[in-house]
N, C-alpha and C. Protein backbone atom coordinates (compact mmCIF):
# COMPACT_ATOMS: atom_id res chain seq x y z
N MET A 1 0.83 -1.13 0.02
CA MET A 1 -0.01 0.05 0.00
C MET A 1 0.76 1.14 0.00
N SER A 2 0.47 2.08 -0.73
CA SER A 2 1.35 3.45 -0.89
C SER A 2 0.92 4.28 0.34
N GLU A 3 2.01 4.96 0.85
CA GLU A 3 1.81 6.14 1.89
C GLU A 3 0.94 7.19 1.25
N HIS A 4 1.16 7.39 -0.23
CA HIS A 4 0.71 8.71 -0.60
C HIS A 4 -0.88 8.43 -1.02
N ASN A 5 -1.34 7.12 -1.34
CA ASN A 5 -2.72 6.94 -1.58
C ASN A 5 -3.58 6.65 -0.47
N GLU A 6 -3.20 6.07 0.44
CA GLU A 6 -3.96 5.58 1.48
C GLU A 6 -3.39 5.88 2.93
N LYS A 7 -4.25 5.95 3.84
CA LYS A 7 -3.57 6.08 5.08
C LYS A 7 -3.05 4.72 5.59
N TRP A 8 -1.73 4.83 6.16
CA TRP A 8 -1.02 3.52 6.44
C TRP A 8 -1.63 3.16 7.86
N LYS A 9 -1.75 1.86 7.99
CA LYS A 9 -2.17 1.46 9.50
C LYS A 9 -1.26 0.57 9.99
N ALA A 10 -1.07 0.65 11.32
CA ALA A 10 -0.12 -0.51 11.98
C ALA A 10 -0.38 -1.89 11.83
N GLU A 11 -1.72 -2.27 11.75
CA GLU A 11 -2.24 -3.51 11.41
C GLU A 11 -1.51 -4.25 10.18
N GLU A 12 -1.22 -3.42 9.31
CA GLU A 12 -0.70 -3.90 7.81
C GLU A 12 0.78 -4.44 8.01
N ALA A 13 1.33 -4.08 9.22
CA ALA A 13 2.74 -4.46 9.44
C ALA A 13 2.94 -5.30 10.53
N ILE A 14 1.82 -5.12 11.42
CA ILE A 14 2.02 -6.21 12.79
C ILE A 14 0.67 -7.07 12.64
N GLY A 15 0.90 -8.28 12.63
CA GLY A 15 -0.23 -9.26 12.78
C GLY A 15 -0.32 -9.64 14.26
N GLY A 16 -1.54 -9.82 14.73
CA GLY A 16 -1.75 -10.60 15.98
C GLY A 16 -2.45 -9.93 16.96
N ASN A 17 -1.91 -9.27 18.01
CA ASN A 17 -2.51 -8.85 19.17
C ASN A 17 -3.18 -7.49 18.92
N ARG A 18 -4.43 -7.31 18.64
CA ARG A 18 -5.30 -6.20 18.28
C ARG A 18 -5.06 -5.33 19.61
N ALA A 19 -5.35 -5.69 20.66
CA ALA A 19 -5.62 -5.17 21.97
C ALA A 19 -4.15 -4.33 22.16
N ALA A 20 -3.19 -5.12 22.03
CA ALA A 20 -1.60 -4.38 22.25
C ALA A 20 -1.56 -3.25 21.06
N VAL A 21 -2.11 -3.35 19.91
CA VAL A 21 -2.05 -2.27 18.94
C VAL A 21 -2.74 -1.19 19.45
N GLU A 22 -4.09 -1.48 19.84
CA GLU A 22 -5.05 -0.40 20.28
C GLU A 22 -4.56 0.55 21.35
N ALA A 23 -3.94 -0.31 22.53
CA ALA A 23 -3.43 0.41 23.65
C ALA A 23 -2.35 1.42 23.36
N LEU A 24 -1.51 0.87 22.47
CA LEU A 24 -0.29 1.75 22.25
C LEU A 24 -0.56 2.89 21.36
N ARG A 25 -1.72 2.63 20.42
CA ARG A 25 -2.28 3.67 19.80
C ARG A 25 -2.74 4.89 20.53
N GLU A 26 -3.59 4.42 21.55
CA GLU A 26 -4.09 5.25 22.43
C GLU A 26 -3.07 6.10 23.37
N LEU A 27 -2.11 5.57 23.60
CA LEU A 27 -0.93 6.19 24.51
C LEU A 27 0.05 7.00 23.68
N ILE A 28 0.17 6.79 22.29
CA ILE A 28 1.02 7.40 21.44
C ILE A 28 0.21 8.48 20.80
N THR A 29 -0.86 8.27 20.25
CA THR A 29 -1.64 9.28 19.54
C THR A 29 -2.59 10.20 20.18
N PHE A 30 -3.08 9.67 21.05
CA PHE A 30 -4.09 10.56 21.89
C PHE A 30 -3.37 11.98 22.28
N PRO A 31 -2.09 11.87 23.07
CA PRO A 31 -1.58 13.22 23.55
C PRO A 31 -1.22 13.94 22.46
N LEU A 32 -0.97 13.31 21.24
CA LEU A 32 -0.60 14.22 19.96
C LEU A 32 -1.87 14.88 19.26
N LEU A 33 -3.11 14.17 19.35
CA LEU A 33 -4.07 14.67 18.54
C LEU A 33 -4.92 15.52 19.69
N TYR A 34 -4.86 15.18 20.82
CA TYR A 34 -5.85 16.12 21.84
C TYR A 34 -4.92 16.81 22.78
N SER A 35 -3.89 17.30 22.60
CA SER A 35 -3.00 18.00 23.68
C SER A 35 -3.72 19.28 24.14
N SER A 36 -4.42 20.08 23.40
CA SER A 36 -5.10 21.22 23.64
C SER A 36 -6.15 20.92 24.53
N GLN A 37 -7.05 19.99 24.25
CA GLN A 37 -8.28 19.54 25.00
C GLN A 37 -7.74 19.03 26.44
N ALA A 38 -6.67 18.29 26.40
CA ALA A 38 -6.08 17.88 27.74
C ALA A 38 -5.75 19.08 28.58
N GLN A 39 -4.94 19.86 27.97
CA GLN A 39 -4.46 20.99 28.85
C GLN A 39 -5.62 21.72 29.29
N LYS A 40 -6.84 21.94 28.76
CA LYS A 40 -7.84 22.57 29.11
C LYS A 40 -8.57 22.00 30.40
N LEU A 41 -8.41 20.46 30.36
CA LEU A 41 -9.00 19.73 31.36
C LEU A 41 -7.96 19.45 32.64
N GLY A 42 -6.94 20.01 32.24
CA GLY A 42 -5.74 19.59 33.33
C GLY A 42 -5.14 18.16 33.21
N LEU A 43 -5.34 17.50 32.13
CA LEU A 43 -4.87 16.16 32.13
C LEU A 43 -3.30 16.18 31.83
N LYS A 44 -2.60 15.13 32.28
CA LYS A 44 -1.19 14.93 31.90
C LYS A 44 -1.04 13.57 31.33
N TRP A 45 -0.42 13.89 30.04
CA TRP A 45 -0.01 12.37 29.23
C TRP A 45 1.12 11.93 29.81
N PRO A 46 1.30 10.73 29.59
CA PRO A 46 2.69 9.72 29.83
C PRO A 46 3.72 10.68 29.08
N ARG A 47 4.92 10.65 29.54
CA ARG A 47 5.97 11.30 29.04
C ARG A 47 6.88 10.22 28.03
N GLY A 48 6.61 9.08 28.56
CA GLY A 48 7.43 7.96 27.99
C GLY A 48 6.85 6.54 28.11
N LEU A 49 7.30 5.58 27.50
CA LEU A 49 6.77 4.43 27.29
C LEU A 49 7.87 3.29 27.50
N LEU A 50 7.56 2.46 28.28
CA LEU A 50 8.63 1.27 28.51
C LEU A 50 7.87 -0.19 28.09
N LEU A 51 8.45 -0.75 27.03
CA LEU A 51 7.89 -2.28 26.86
C LEU A 51 9.09 -3.06 27.35
N TYR A 52 8.88 -3.99 28.08
CA TYR A 52 9.64 -5.27 28.38
C TYR A 52 9.38 -6.42 27.90
N GLY A 53 10.07 -7.39 27.81
CA GLY A 53 10.09 -8.91 27.49
C GLY A 53 11.21 -9.49 26.99
N VAL A 54 11.00 -10.59 26.64
CA VAL A 54 12.33 -11.46 26.02
C VAL A 54 12.52 -10.84 24.51
N PRO A 55 13.51 -10.80 24.25
CA PRO A 55 14.19 -10.31 22.77
C PRO A 55 13.35 -11.32 21.76
N GLY A 56 13.07 -10.62 20.59
CA GLY A 56 12.55 -11.18 19.47
C GLY A 56 10.99 -11.35 19.54
N THR A 57 10.23 -10.61 20.18
CA THR A 57 8.76 -10.98 20.44
C THR A 57 8.09 -9.62 19.77
N GLY A 58 8.83 -8.85 19.06
CA GLY A 58 8.21 -7.74 18.37
C GLY A 58 7.90 -6.48 19.02
N LYS A 59 8.41 -6.19 20.20
CA LYS A 59 8.16 -5.01 20.95
C LYS A 59 8.51 -3.65 20.20
N THR A 60 9.56 -3.64 19.49
CA THR A 60 10.18 -2.59 18.86
C THR A 60 9.27 -2.43 17.45
N SER A 61 9.02 -3.56 16.85
CA SER A 61 8.31 -3.52 15.58
C SER A 61 6.87 -2.89 15.84
N LEU A 62 6.31 -3.36 16.81
CA LEU A 62 4.97 -2.88 17.43
C LEU A 62 4.97 -1.39 17.41
N VAL A 63 5.83 -0.91 18.33
CA VAL A 63 6.01 0.66 18.47
C VAL A 63 6.47 1.51 17.40
N ARG A 64 7.25 0.99 16.40
CA ARG A 64 7.47 1.49 15.14
C ARG A 64 6.40 1.71 14.29
N ALA A 65 5.53 0.77 14.16
CA ALA A 65 4.25 0.71 13.39
C ALA A 65 3.43 1.62 13.71
N VAL A 66 3.13 1.71 14.94
CA VAL A 66 2.10 2.81 15.59
C VAL A 66 2.59 4.05 15.35
N VAL A 67 4.03 4.18 15.65
CA VAL A 67 4.48 5.74 15.58
C VAL A 67 4.61 6.25 14.06
N ARG A 68 4.77 5.18 13.26
CA ARG A 68 4.82 5.53 11.75
C ARG A 68 3.23 5.93 11.26
N GLU A 69 2.33 5.14 11.87
CA GLU A 69 1.02 5.51 11.56
C GLU A 69 0.61 6.85 12.01
N CYS A 70 0.96 7.45 12.97
CA CYS A 70 0.64 8.69 13.34
C CYS A 70 1.73 9.88 13.08
N GLY A 71 2.81 9.57 12.45
CA GLY A 71 3.63 10.41 11.95
C GLY A 71 4.61 11.06 13.02
N ALA A 72 4.61 10.47 14.30
CA ALA A 72 5.66 10.95 15.28
C ALA A 72 7.02 10.38 15.30
N HIS A 73 7.83 11.06 16.22
CA HIS A 73 9.28 10.68 16.13
C HIS A 73 9.35 9.66 17.18
N LEU A 74 10.30 8.68 17.00
CA LEU A 74 10.69 7.62 17.94
C LEU A 74 11.98 7.67 18.19
N THR A 75 12.44 7.46 19.57
CA THR A 75 13.64 7.03 19.89
C THR A 75 13.89 5.68 20.57
N VAL A 76 14.58 5.04 20.11
CA VAL A 76 14.50 3.54 20.74
C VAL A 76 16.16 3.33 21.37
N ILE A 77 15.95 3.26 22.63
CA ILE A 77 17.27 2.86 23.48
C ILE A 77 17.49 1.44 23.73
């Protein structure tokens, strides 16, 4: 799928746990999309995200897919 023709979705790159994709989507995209509304309500978004687990289970790939979907910047340490 071309990024220019249609909106890219994380599910296209990551198969499997839809609940994990949705949870990450909320943690990453909501602060970007609704920052002004959150400020008015006095809400504070998380400033970081830590995924842990055994190597090779797709943690980084999952985050990269969701971040790419919303066009945000990602730093992997």
